[in-house]
Amino acid sequence: MREIVFDTETTGLDPNNGDRITELGCVEIVDYIPTGKTFHAYVNPQRSVPKEVVDITGLTTEFLADKPLFDEVGPEFVAFVGDATLVAHNAPFDRGFINMELARLGMDIYPDNRFKDTARIARAKFPGSYVSLDALCKRFDISLDTRDKHGALIDSFLLAEVYLELMGGRTRALDLSGQGAGGDGKVMFPARPARAAALASRQTESERVAHAAFIDEMGENALWKKLTLQ
């Protein structure tokens, strides 16, 4: 199951009152595990950034002045997302800004059912508790050392970890429910990249000979021989 965990930084709180996106960060996950694929862009909002927002994001009007417009960033974002579900913390906020920017370009907007809101999931799981991203990182012992300002890509990485924990943690990612990714009852493990170089064998020659003799005693139908594991 492919999903995109994403975050936006903006000039303010209201996409219908002139506020614009200043940064987009996306992390691709498959079966709740990051694949290593990301999308990130700073965006020239074509307006000034208020000081109170700069204090939160660190993104100044001057820094953003030479960055690409959403006209360029938007189609790249849509291509990266593809048909994946979008996961965000307080998703209605990010959805509002993304759809406002896409509508400005005459592009299709995303329907509500394309989004998952981790804040809503957390409120249902921990009623009465604080469910800010910071609070959830502390709850799940996720380090905030890399975060001195709000940044879209950094927050997306943190949210990907929080989302995994909200959905059951590492054991949930291994899909031990017996349903499997395809619903056929197989246990599915998340893909991992191959090692750059194979590990050196620690088996001694005498151990290898003894193991081969042991397999031979089982006959030609031994599983090790069928799978060439001897």
C-alpha atoms as a PDB file:
ATOM      1  CA  MET A   1       0.000   0.000   0.000  1.00  0.00           C
ATOM      2  CA  ARG A   2       1.633   3.218  -1.212  1.00  0.00           C
ATOM      3  CA  GLU A   3       0.934   6.441   0.682  1.00  0.00           C
ATOM      4  CA  ILE A   4       2.475   9.922   0.728  1.00  0.00           C
ATOM      5  CA  VAL A   5       3.115  11.566   4.095  1.00  0.00           C
ATOM      6  CA  PHE A   6       3.334  15.302   3.473  1.00  0.00           C
ATOM      7  CA  ASP A   7       3.434  18.709   5.096  1.00  0.00           C
ATOM      8  CA  THR A   8       3.129  22.301   3.949  1.00  0.00           C
ATOM      9  CA  GLU A   9       4.513  25.553   5.289  1.00  0.00           C
ATOM     10  CA  THR A  10       2.510  28.662   4.440  1.00  0.00           C
ATOM     11  CA  THR A  11       2.421  32.437   4.836  1.00  0.00           C
ATOM     12  CA  GLY A  12      -0.580  32.198   7.164  1.00  0.00           C
ATOM     13  CA  LEU A  13      -3.653  30.239   8.132  1.00  0.00           C
ATOM     14  CA  ASP A  14      -6.253  31.056   5.474  1.00  0.00           C
ATOM     15  CA  PRO A  15      -5.873  29.898   1.856  1.00  0.00           C
ATOM     16  CA  ASN A  16      -9.029  31.841   0.966  1.00  0.00           C
ATOM     17  CA  ASN A  17      -7.608  35.126   2.219  1.00  0.00           C
ATOM     18  CA  GLY A  18      -4.439  35.410   0.156  1.00  0.00           C
ATOM     19  CA  ASP A  19      -2.135  33.107   2.110  1.00  0.00           C
ATOM     20  CA  ARG A  20       0.085  30.855  -0.009  1.00  0.00           C
ATOM     21  CA  ILE A  21       2.325  27.788   0.296  1.00  0.00           C
ATOM     22  CA  THR A  22       6.023  28.464   0.949  1.00  0.00           C
ATOM     23  CA  GLU A  23       7.330  24.896   1.303  1.00  0.00           C
ATOM     24  CA  LEU A  24       6.227  21.372   0.420  1.00  0.00           C
ATOM     25  CA  GLY A  25       7.710  18.162   1.815  1.00  0.00           C
ATOM     26  CA  CYS A  26       6.678  14.597   0.975  1.00  0.00           C
ATOM     27  CA  VAL A  27       7.853  11.160   2.101  1.00  0.00           C
ATOM     28  CA  GLU A  28       6.769   8.041   0.229  1.00  0.00           C
ATOM     29  CA  ILE A  29       5.830   5.071   2.401  1.00  0.00           C
ATOM     30  CA  VAL A  30       4.821   1.549   1.422  1.00  0.00           C
ATOM     31  CA  ASP A  31       3.058  -0.543   4.066  1.00  0.00           C
ATOM     32  CA  TYR A  32       3.849   2.247   6.576  1.00  0.00           C
ATOM     33  CA  ILE A  33       7.640   2.097   5.974  1.00  0.00           C
ATOM     34  CA  PRO A  34       9.537   4.967   4.237  1.00  0.00           C
ATOM     35  CA  THR A  35      11.012   3.856   0.908  1.00  0.00           C
ATOM     36  CA  GLY A  36      13.652   6.593   0.756  1.00  0.00           C
ATOM     37  CA  LYS A  37      11.822   8.503  -1.997  1.00  0.00           C
ATOM     38  CA  THR A  38      11.007  12.104  -1.154  1.00  0.00           C
ATOM     39  CA  PHE A  39       9.795  15.305  -2.765  1.00  0.00           C
ATOM     40  CA  HIS A  40      10.757  18.720  -1.467  1.00  0.00           C
ATOM     41  CA  ALA A  41      10.422  22.255  -2.772  1.00  0.00           C
ATOM     42  CA  TYR A  42      10.525  25.807  -1.504  1.00  0.00           C
ATOM     43  CA  VAL A  43       7.916  27.986  -3.199  1.00  0.00           C
ATOM     44  CA  ASN A  44       7.863  31.705  -3.941  1.00  0.00           C
ATOM     45  CA  PRO A  45       4.479  32.750  -2.488  1.00  0.00           C
ATOM     46  CA  GLN A  46       4.472  36.026  -4.461  1.00  0.00           C
ATOM     47  CA  ARG A  47       3.722  37.923  -1.283  1.00  0.00           C
ATOM     48  CA  SER A  48       5.549  38.886   1.903  1.00  0.00           C
ATOM     49  CA  VAL A  49       5.917  36.481   4.810  1.00  0.00           C
ATOM     50  CA  PRO A  50       4.782  37.933   8.178  1.00  0.00           C
ATOM     51  CA  LYS A  51       7.399  38.099  10.920  1.00  0.00           C
ATOM     52  CA  GLU A  52       5.418  35.811  13.220  1.00  0.00           C
ATOM     53  CA  VAL A  53       5.462  33.141  10.511  1.00  0.00           C
ATOM     54  CA  VAL A  54       9.202  33.622   9.877  1.00  0.00           C
ATOM     55  CA  ASP A  55       9.770  33.023  13.589  1.00  0.00           C
ATOM     56  CA  ILE A  56       8.109  29.605  13.201  1.00  0.00           C
ATOM     57  CA  THR A  57       9.426  28.433   9.822  1.00  0.00           C
ATOM     58  CA  GLY A  58      12.589  30.465   9.324  1.00  0.00           C
ATOM     59  CA  LEU A  59      11.492  31.153   5.722  1.00  0.00           C
ATOM     60  CA  THR A  60      11.838  34.845   4.901  1.00  0.00           C
ATOM     61  CA  THR A  61      10.455  36.825   1.993  1.00  0.00           C
ATOM     62  CA  GLU A  62      14.024  37.391   0.769  1.00  0.00           C
ATOM     63  CA  PHE A  63      14.927  33.672   0.915  1.00  0.00           C
ATOM     64  CA  LEU A  64      11.850  32.685  -1.064  1.00  0.00           C
ATOM     65  CA  ALA A  65      12.129  35.445  -3.685  1.00  0.00           C
ATOM     66  CA  ASP A  66      14.170  33.389  -6.172  1.00  0.00           C
ATOM     67  CA  LYS A  67      12.405  30.073  -5.562  1.00  0.00           C
ATOM     68  CA  PRO A  68      10.060  28.540  -8.179  1.00  0.00           C
ATOM     69  CA  LEU A  69       6.389  29.490  -8.295  1.00  0.00           C
ATOM     70  CA  PHE A  70       3.732  26.917  -7.495  1.00  0.00           C
ATOM     71  CA  ASP A  71       2.997  26.918 -11.235  1.00  0.00           C
ATOM     72  CA  GLU A  72       6.158  24.807 -11.601  1.00  0.00           C
ATOM     73  CA  VAL A  73       6.087  22.966  -8.284  1.00  0.00           C
ATOM     74  CA  GLY A  74       2.424  21.928  -8.429  1.00  0.00           C
ATOM     75  CA  PRO A  75       2.626  19.557 -11.419  1.00  0.00           C
ATOM     76  CA  GLU A  76       5.791  17.972  -9.965  1.00  0.00           C
ATOM     77  CA  PHE A  77       3.992  17.403  -6.661  1.00  0.00           C
ATOM     78  CA  VAL A  78       0.978  15.839  -8.400  1.00  0.00           C
ATOM     79  CA  ALA A  79       3.261  13.549 -10.443  1.00  0.00           C
ATOM     80  CA  PHE A  80       5.070  12.417  -7.274  1.00  0.00           C
ATOM     81  CA  VAL A  81       1.809  11.703  -5.441  1.00  0.00           C
ATOM     82  CA  GLY A  82       0.282   9.731  -8.313  1.00  0.00           C
ATOM     83  CA  ASP A  83      -2.730   7.766  -7.083  1.00  0.00           C
ATOM     84  CA  ALA A  84      -1.450   7.387  -3.497  1.00  0.00           C
ATOM     85  CA  THR A  85      -3.381   8.351  -0.378  1.00  0.00           C
ATOM     86  CA  LEU A  86      -2.174  11.598   1.221  1.00  0.00           C
ATOM     87  CA  VAL A  87      -1.348  11.509   4.946  1.00  0.00           C
ATOM     88  CA  ALA A  88      -1.051  14.771   6.901  1.00  0.00           C
ATOM     89  CA  HIS A  89      -1.312  16.059  10.458  1.00  0.00           C
ATOM     90  CA  ASN A  90      -4.422  18.243  10.669  1.00  0.00           C
ATOM     91  CA  ALA A  91      -5.093  17.266   7.076  1.00  0.00           C
ATOM     92  CA  PRO A  92      -7.930  19.769   6.441  1.00  0.00           C
ATOM     93  CA  PHE A  93      -5.386  22.601   6.762  1.00  0.00           C
ATOM     94  CA  ASP A  94      -2.926  21.146   4.246  1.00  0.00           C
ATOM     95  CA  ARG A  95      -5.741  19.967   1.968  1.00  0.00           C
ATOM     96  CA  GLY A  96      -7.142  23.492   1.863  1.00  0.00           C
ATOM     97  CA  PHE A  97      -3.851  24.981   0.735  1.00  0.00           C
ATOM     98  CA  ILE A  98      -2.990  22.241  -1.769  1.00  0.00           C
ATOM     99  CA  ASN A  99      -6.426  22.396  -3.379  1.00  0.00           C
ATOM    100  CA  MET A 100      -6.386  26.206  -3.478  1.00  0.00           C
ATOM    101  CA  GLU A 101      -3.048  26.193  -5.310  1.00  0.00           C
ATOM    102  CA  LEU A 102      -4.125  23.426  -7.722  1.00  0.00           C
ATOM    103  CA  ALA A 103      -7.391  25.238  -8.466  1.00  0.00           C
ATOM    104  CA  ARG A 104      -5.443  28.404  -9.301  1.00  0.00           C
ATOM    105  CA  LEU A 105      -3.621  26.393 -11.976  1.00  0.00           C
ATOM    106  CA  GLY A 106      -6.822  24.901 -13.325  1.00  0.00           C
ATOM    107  CA  MET A 107      -5.757  21.430 -12.139  1.00  0.00           C
ATOM    108  CA  ASP A 108      -7.974  18.791 -10.532  1.00  0.00           C
ATOM    109  CA  ILE A 109      -8.241  19.140  -6.767  1.00  0.00           C
ATOM    110  CA  TYR A 110      -8.022  16.215  -4.359  1.00  0.00           C
ATOM    111  CA  PRO A 111     -11.290  14.917  -2.856  1.00  0.00           C
ATOM    112  CA  ASP A 112     -11.579  14.577   0.915  1.00  0.00           C
ATOM    113  CA  ASN A 113     -11.365  10.777   0.746  1.00  0.00           C
ATOM    114  CA  ARG A 114      -7.821  10.961  -0.622  1.00  0.00           C
ATOM    115  CA  PHE A 115      -6.582  12.205   2.774  1.00  0.00           C
ATOM    116  CA  LYS A 116      -5.840  10.590   6.120  1.00  0.00           C
ATOM    117  CA  ASP A 117      -5.594  12.874   9.152  1.00  0.00           C
ATOM    118  CA  THR A 118      -3.099  11.627  11.747  1.00  0.00           C
ATOM    119  CA  ALA A 119      -4.355  14.181  14.281  1.00  0.00           C
ATOM    120  CA  ARG A 120      -7.835  12.674  14.020  1.00  0.00           C
ATOM    121  CA  ILE A 121      -6.413   9.158  14.366  1.00  0.00           C
ATOM    122  CA  ALA A 122      -4.432  10.233  17.442  1.00  0.00           C
ATOM    123  CA  ARG A 123      -7.456  11.885  19.084  1.00  0.00           C
ATOM    124  CA  ALA A 124      -9.424   8.656  18.712  1.00  0.00           C
ATOM    125  CA  LYS A 125      -6.523   6.595  20.047  1.00  0.00           C
ATOM    126  CA  PHE A 126      -5.614   8.918  22.943  1.00  0.00           C
ATOM    127  CA  PRO A 127      -8.795  10.831  23.895  1.00  0.00           C
ATOM    128  CA  GLY A 128      -8.150  13.899  26.001  1.00  0.00           C
ATOM    129  CA  SER A 129      -4.403  13.947  25.287  1.00  0.00           C
ATOM    130  CA  TYR A 130      -2.375  16.503  23.363  1.00  0.00           C
ATOM    131  CA  VAL A 131      -1.956  15.326  19.778  1.00  0.00           C
ATOM    132  CA  SER A 132       0.395  17.922  18.302  1.00  0.00           C
ATOM    133  CA  LEU A 133       3.244  16.452  16.265  1.00  0.00           C
ATOM    134  CA  ASP A 134       5.683  17.358  19.037  1.00  0.00           C
ATOM    135  CA  ALA A 135       3.501  15.706  21.687  1.00  0.00           C
ATOM    136  CA  LEU A 136       3.159  12.508  19.651  1.00  0.00           C
ATOM    137  CA  CYS A 137       6.899  12.367  18.988  1.00  0.00           C
ATOM    138  CA  LYS A 138       7.483  12.557  22.747  1.00  0.00           C
ATOM    139  CA  ARG A 139       4.835   9.899  23.395  1.00  0.00           C
ATOM    140  CA  PHE A 140       6.485   7.500  20.937  1.00  0.00           C
ATOM    141  CA  ASP A 141      10.070   8.464  21.932  1.00  0.00           C
ATOM    142  CA  ILE A 142      10.869   9.848  18.473  1.00  0.00           C
ATOM    143  CA  SER A 143      13.852  12.206  18.540  1.00  0.00           C
ATOM    144  CA  LEU A 144      13.252  15.876  17.757  1.00  0.00           C
ATOM    145  CA  ASP A 145      16.970  16.710  17.621  1.00  0.00           C
ATOM    146  CA  THR A 146      16.823  17.552  13.901  1.00  0.00           C
ATOM    147  CA  ARG A 147      14.008  20.052  14.367  1.00  0.00           C
ATOM    148  CA  ASP A 148      14.774  23.586  15.518  1.00  0.00           C
ATOM    149  CA  LYS A 149      12.186  25.158  13.171  1.00  0.00           C
ATOM    150  CA  HIS A 150       9.080  23.845  11.464  1.00  0.00           C
ATOM    151  CA  GLY A 151      10.213  22.458   8.116  1.00  0.00           C
ATOM    152  CA  ALA A 152       7.976  20.594   5.674  1.00  0.00           C
ATOM    153  CA  LEU A 153      10.351  17.740   4.859  1.00  0.00           C
ATOM    154  CA  ILE A 154      11.643  17.278   8.415  1.00  0.00           C
ATOM    155  CA  ASP A 155       8.082  17.276   9.735  1.00  0.00           C
ATOM    156  CA  SER A 156       7.076  14.748   7.058  1.00  0.00           C
ATOM    157  CA  PHE A 157       9.830  12.367   8.191  1.00  0.00           C
ATOM    158  CA  LEU A 158       8.732  12.777  11.818  1.00  0.00           C
ATOM    159  CA  LEU A 159       5.092  12.278  10.867  1.00  0.00           C
ATOM    160  CA  ALA A 160       5.953   9.105   8.941  1.00  0.00           C
ATOM    161  CA  GLU A 161       7.397   7.670  12.175  1.00  0.00           C
ATOM    162  CA  VAL A 162       4.387   8.833  14.191  1.00  0.00           C
ATOM    163  CA  TYR A 163       1.977   7.372  11.613  1.00  0.00           C
ATOM    164  CA  LEU A 164       3.700   3.991  11.808  1.00  0.00           C
ATOM    165  CA  GLU A 165       3.328   3.987  15.598  1.00  0.00           C
ATOM    166  CA  LEU A 166      -0.309   5.086  15.404  1.00  0.00           C
ATOM    167  CA  MET A 167      -1.035   2.171  13.090  1.00  0.00           C
ATOM    168  CA  GLY A 168       0.528  -0.377  15.431  1.00  0.00           C
ATOM    169  CA  GLY A 169       4.280   0.132  15.244  1.00  0.00           C
ATOM    170  CA  ARG A 170       6.878  -2.128  13.678  1.00  0.00           C
ATOM    171  CA  THR A 171       4.879  -5.298  14.256  1.00  0.00           C
ATOM    172  CA  ARG A 172       1.993  -3.800  12.262  1.00  0.00           C
ATOM    173  CA  ALA A 173       4.417  -3.019   9.416  1.00  0.00           C
ATOM    174  CA  LEU A 174       5.296  -6.715   9.214  1.00  0.00           C
ATOM    175  CA  ASP A 175       1.589  -7.468   8.661  1.00  0.00           C
ATOM    176  CA  LEU A 176       1.324 -10.409  11.041  1.00  0.00           C
ATOM    177  CA  SER A 177      -2.466 -10.331  10.852  1.00  0.00           C
ATOM    178  CA  GLY A 178      -2.474 -13.184   8.353  1.00  0.00           C
ATOM    179  CA  GLN A 179      -4.282 -11.064   5.787  1.00  0.00           C
ATOM    180  CA  GLY A 180      -1.245 -10.093   3.752  1.00  0.00           C
ATOM    181  CA  ALA A 181      -0.964  -7.103   1.445  1.00  0.00           C
ATOM    182  CA  GLY A 182      -3.091  -8.854  -1.138  1.00  0.00           C
ATOM    183  CA  GLY A 183      -5.626 -10.362   1.271  1.00  0.00           C
ATOM    184  CA  ASP A 184      -4.523 -13.903   0.375  1.00  0.00           C
ATOM    185  CA  GLY A 185      -3.451 -14.930   3.886  1.00  0.00           C
ATOM    186  CA  LYS A 186       0.273 -14.561   3.235  1.00  0.00           C
ATOM    187  CA  VAL A 187       2.521 -12.748   5.674  1.00  0.00           C
ATOM    188  CA  MET A 188       4.084  -9.818   3.820  1.00  0.00           C
ATOM    189  CA  PHE A 189       7.341  -8.199   4.925  1.00  0.00           C
ATOM    190  CA  PRO A 190       8.309  -4.696   3.796  1.00  0.00           C
ATOM    191  CA  ALA A 191      10.907  -4.580   1.037  1.00  0.00           C
ATOM    192  CA  ARG A 192      14.473  -3.788   1.994  1.00  0.00           C
ATOM    193  CA  PRO A 193      17.255  -2.813  -0.406  1.00  0.00           C
ATOM    194  CA  ALA A 194      19.845  -5.472  -1.160  1.00  0.00           C
ATOM    195  CA  ARG A 195      23.204  -5.247   0.583  1.00  0.00           C
ATOM    196  CA  ALA A 196      25.881  -3.494  -1.431  1.00  0.00           C
ATOM    197  CA  ALA A 197      28.149  -6.495  -0.862  1.00  0.00           C
ATOM    198  CA  ALA A 198      27.338  -9.954   0.463  1.00  0.00           C
ATOM    199  CA  LEU A 199      28.482 -10.762   3.977  1.00  0.00           C
ATOM    200  CA  ALA A 200      31.467 -13.066   4.193  1.00  0.00           C
ATOM    201  CA  SER A 201      30.676 -16.631   5.281  1.00  0.00           C
ATOM    202  CA  ARG A 202      31.632 -17.501   8.850  1.00  0.00           C
ATOM    203  CA  GLN A 203      31.226 -21.237   8.228  1.00  0.00           C
ATOM    204  CA  THR A 204      34.387 -23.301   8.586  1.00  0.00           C
ATOM    205  CA  GLU A 205      35.289 -25.978   6.027  1.00  0.00           C
ATOM    206  CA  SER A 206      34.648 -28.759   8.524  1.00  0.00           C
ATOM    207  CA  GLU A 207      31.212 -27.329   9.311  1.00  0.00           C
ATOM    208  CA  ARG A 208      30.389 -27.090   5.606  1.00  0.00           C
ATOM    209  CA  VAL A 209      31.367 -30.746   5.012  1.00  0.00           C
ATOM    210  CA  ALA A 210      29.376 -31.922   8.050  1.00  0.00           C
ATOM    211  CA  HIS A 211      26.296 -29.978   6.916  1.00  0.00           C
ATOM    212  CA  ALA A 212      26.501 -31.381   3.372  1.00  0.00           C
ATOM    213  CA  ALA A 213      26.687 -34.925   4.793  1.00  0.00           C
ATOM    214  CA  PHE A 214      23.666 -34.213   6.988  1.00  0.00           C
ATOM    215  CA  ILE A 215      21.644 -33.016   3.977  1.00  0.00           C
ATOM    216  CA  ASP A 216      22.649 -36.062   1.930  1.00  0.00           C
ATOM    217  CA  GLU A 217      21.167 -38.315   4.629  1.00  0.00           C
ATOM    218  CA  MET A 218      17.759 -36.735   3.943  1.00  0.00           C
ATOM    219  CA  GLY A 219      17.699 -37.909   0.325  1.00  0.00           C
ATOM    220  CA  GLU A 220      17.056 -36.121  -2.949  1.00  0.00           C
ATOM    221  CA  ASN A 221      13.771 -34.555  -1.789  1.00  0.00           C
ATOM    222  CA  ALA A 222      15.378 -32.593   1.029  1.00  0.00           C
ATOM    223  CA  LEU A 223      14.053 -29.018   1.135  1.00  0.00           C
ATOM    224  CA  TRP A 224      17.597 -27.629   1.285  1.00  0.00           C
ATOM    225  CA  LYS A 225      18.390 -29.242  -2.071  1.00  0.00           C
ATOM    226  CA  LYS A 226      15.176 -28.008  -3.705  1.00  0.00           C
ATOM    227  CA  LEU A 227      15.879 -24.463  -2.595  1.00  0.00           C
ATOM    228  CA  THR A 228      19.633 -24.754  -3.216  1.00  0.00           C
ATOM    229  CA  LEU A 229      20.300 -23.830   0.406  1.00  0.00           C
ATOM    230  CA  GLN A 230      22.912 -26.487   1.058  1.00  0.00           C
END
